Protein backbone atom coordinates (compact mmCIF):
# COMPACT_ATOMS: atom_id res chain seq x y z
CA MET A 1 44.70 -2.99 52.27
CA LYS A 2 44.14 -3.49 48.57
CA GLU A 3 41.60 -6.29 49.14
CA ASP A 4 39.44 -3.83 51.11
CA ILE A 5 39.04 -1.49 48.13
CA ALA A 6 36.02 -2.01 45.87
CA PHE A 7 36.95 -1.79 42.20
CA PRO A 8 33.79 -1.15 40.15
CA LYS A 9 33.53 -2.86 36.76
CA VAL A 10 34.03 -0.63 33.72
CA GLU A 11 31.11 -0.94 31.31
CA GLN A 12 30.25 0.99 28.15
CA VAL A 13 33.52 2.90 28.15
CA GLY A 14 36.32 1.69 25.92
CA VAL A 15 39.03 2.47 23.42
CA CYS A 16 38.82 2.20 19.64
CA ALA A 17 41.27 2.45 16.76
CA VAL A 18 40.26 3.83 13.37
CA PRO A 19 42.53 3.65 10.30
CA ASP A 20 43.34 7.03 8.77
CA ASN A 21 45.50 8.27 5.93
CA ALA A 22 46.18 11.68 7.42
CA GLU A 23 48.29 13.76 5.08
CA GLY A 24 49.51 10.67 3.24
CA LEU A 25 50.60 8.90 6.44
CA GLU A 26 49.05 5.55 7.30
CA VAL A 27 48.10 5.76 10.97
CA TRP A 28 45.45 4.60 13.41
CA LYS A 29 43.56 7.26 15.35
CA ILE A 30 42.90 6.17 18.92
CA TYR A 31 39.74 7.34 20.70
CA VAL A 32 38.17 6.91 24.13
CA VAL A 33 34.53 5.92 23.59
CA ASN A 34 31.88 6.87 26.15
CA GLN A 35 28.69 4.90 25.46
CA LEU A 36 27.21 5.82 28.85
CA ASP A 37 24.20 8.10 29.12
CA GLU A 38 26.23 10.37 31.40
CA THR A 39 29.33 12.50 31.05
CA ILE A 40 32.54 11.04 32.40
CA GLU A 41 34.92 13.47 34.08
CA LYS A 42 38.59 13.86 34.93
CA VAL A 43 39.56 11.35 32.24
CA PHE A 44 43.20 10.31 32.41
CA VAL A 45 44.71 8.14 29.64
CA ASN A 46 48.17 6.63 29.98
CA SER A 47 49.46 5.11 26.71
CA ARG A 48 52.52 3.05 25.90
CA GLY A 49 53.75 0.40 23.51
CA TYR A 50 55.92 -2.59 24.31
CA GLY A 51 56.99 -5.92 22.83
CA MET A 52 59.47 -7.50 20.44
CA LYS A 53 60.47 -6.16 17.03
CA ALA A 54 63.24 -7.74 14.94
CA ASN A 55 64.16 -9.96 17.91
CA GLU A 56 64.76 -6.93 20.14
CA GLU A 57 62.71 -5.67 23.06
CA VAL A 58 61.03 -2.37 22.22
CA LYS A 59 59.35 0.14 24.54
CA THR A 60 57.79 3.38 23.35
CA SER A 61 57.60 6.56 25.34
CA GLU A 62 54.84 6.61 27.91
CA LEU A 63 52.35 9.38 27.15
CA ARG A 64 49.77 10.85 29.50
CA HIS A 65 46.64 12.62 28.36
CA PHE A 66 44.03 14.42 30.48
CA TYR A 67 40.51 15.47 29.49
CA GLU A 68 38.24 17.43 31.81
CA SER A 69 35.20 15.53 30.50
CA ILE A 70 33.84 13.37 27.70
CA ALA A 71 30.15 13.89 27.02
CA ALA A 72 27.60 11.08 27.09
CA ASN A 73 27.52 8.96 23.91
CA SER A 74 30.58 10.60 22.39
CA VAL A 75 34.27 10.02 21.69
CA CYS A 76 37.49 11.88 22.36
CA GLU A 77 40.55 11.52 20.12
CA VAL A 78 43.62 10.57 22.18
CA GLU A 79 46.48 10.15 19.71
CA MET A 80 47.66 8.85 16.36
CA LEU A 81 49.38 5.47 16.31
CA PRO A 82 51.80 4.96 13.38
CA ASN A 83 51.48 1.70 11.44
CA ASP A 84 55.04 0.72 12.35
CA LEU A 85 53.94 0.33 16.00
CA THR A 86 51.02 -2.04 15.32
CA GLY A 87 53.34 -5.03 15.83
CA LEU A 88 53.65 -4.12 19.52
CA ASN A 89 51.26 -4.35 22.45
CA ASN A 90 49.65 -0.91 22.56
CA GLN A 91 48.23 -0.28 26.03
CA TYR A 92 45.78 2.45 27.02
CA TRP A 93 45.05 2.69 30.73
CA VAL A 94 41.92 4.81 31.17
CA SER A 95 40.80 6.27 34.52
CA TYR A 96 37.74 8.46 34.97
CA TYR A 97 34.96 9.52 37.31
CA ALA A 98 31.29 8.74 36.67
CA GLY A 99 29.43 10.57 39.38
CA ASN A 100 31.55 10.25 42.52
CA THR A 101 32.94 6.83 41.58
CA LEU A 102 36.44 6.29 40.19
CA PHE A 103 36.79 3.70 37.40
CA ASP A 104 39.90 2.46 35.62
CA LYS A 105 40.80 -0.25 33.15
CA LYS A 106 43.64 -1.26 30.84
CA PHE A 107 42.79 -1.74 27.17
CA ILE A 108 45.44 -3.49 25.07
CA PHE A 109 45.65 -3.86 21.30
CA VAL A 110 47.82 -6.98 21.05
CA PRO A 111 50.47 -7.28 18.32
CA ASP A 112 49.10 -7.34 14.79
CA SER A 113 45.47 -7.05 15.94
CA LEU A 114 45.03 -3.73 14.15
CA ILE A 115 44.08 -5.29 10.81
CA GLU A 116 41.11 -4.94 8.46
CA GLU A 117 39.76 -8.41 9.31
CA ASN A 118 39.13 -7.28 12.93
CA MET A 119 37.24 -4.10 12.03
CA ILE A 120 33.55 -3.55 12.81
CA GLN A 121 31.14 -0.67 12.31
CA LEU A 122 31.80 1.49 15.37
CA PRO A 123 29.02 3.03 17.44
CA ILE A 124 28.94 6.82 17.73
CA LEU A 125 31.73 7.37 15.14
CA ASN A 126 29.89 5.58 12.31
CA LYS A 127 33.23 4.45 10.89
CA LYS A 128 34.93 1.09 10.60
CA GLY A 129 37.51 0.34 13.25
CA ILE A 130 38.45 -1.87 16.19
CA LEU A 131 36.74 -1.47 19.55
CA ILE A 132 37.77 -2.78 22.96
CA ILE A 133 35.16 -2.45 25.71
């Protein structure tokens, strides 16, 4: 039964968004951030967007990304998020192993949260962006 399964708390692993003007396009680069002192392995990221836009329900394609490992105190770029999707809920469900333990957590950038007023100086990247831990 589900209540018999221990779900360990995710700590020091998160998702961040960094604004970027890649090739003249205004986008947000999305990264998985590993602030642990150990490598995380078999990292699976499921991303999707959903919500309302112009009074219509919108759902983006669901994308799946897999990374064999993310080193201790480092980041891994997942995808680029176009500015026209920042008005949606942008969900990143991250699953990974630390040692022999499986961890997973949903990280959600809520509509219109990807704005300059919410940016901080990000650890590891040394850039301004938005971090969800």
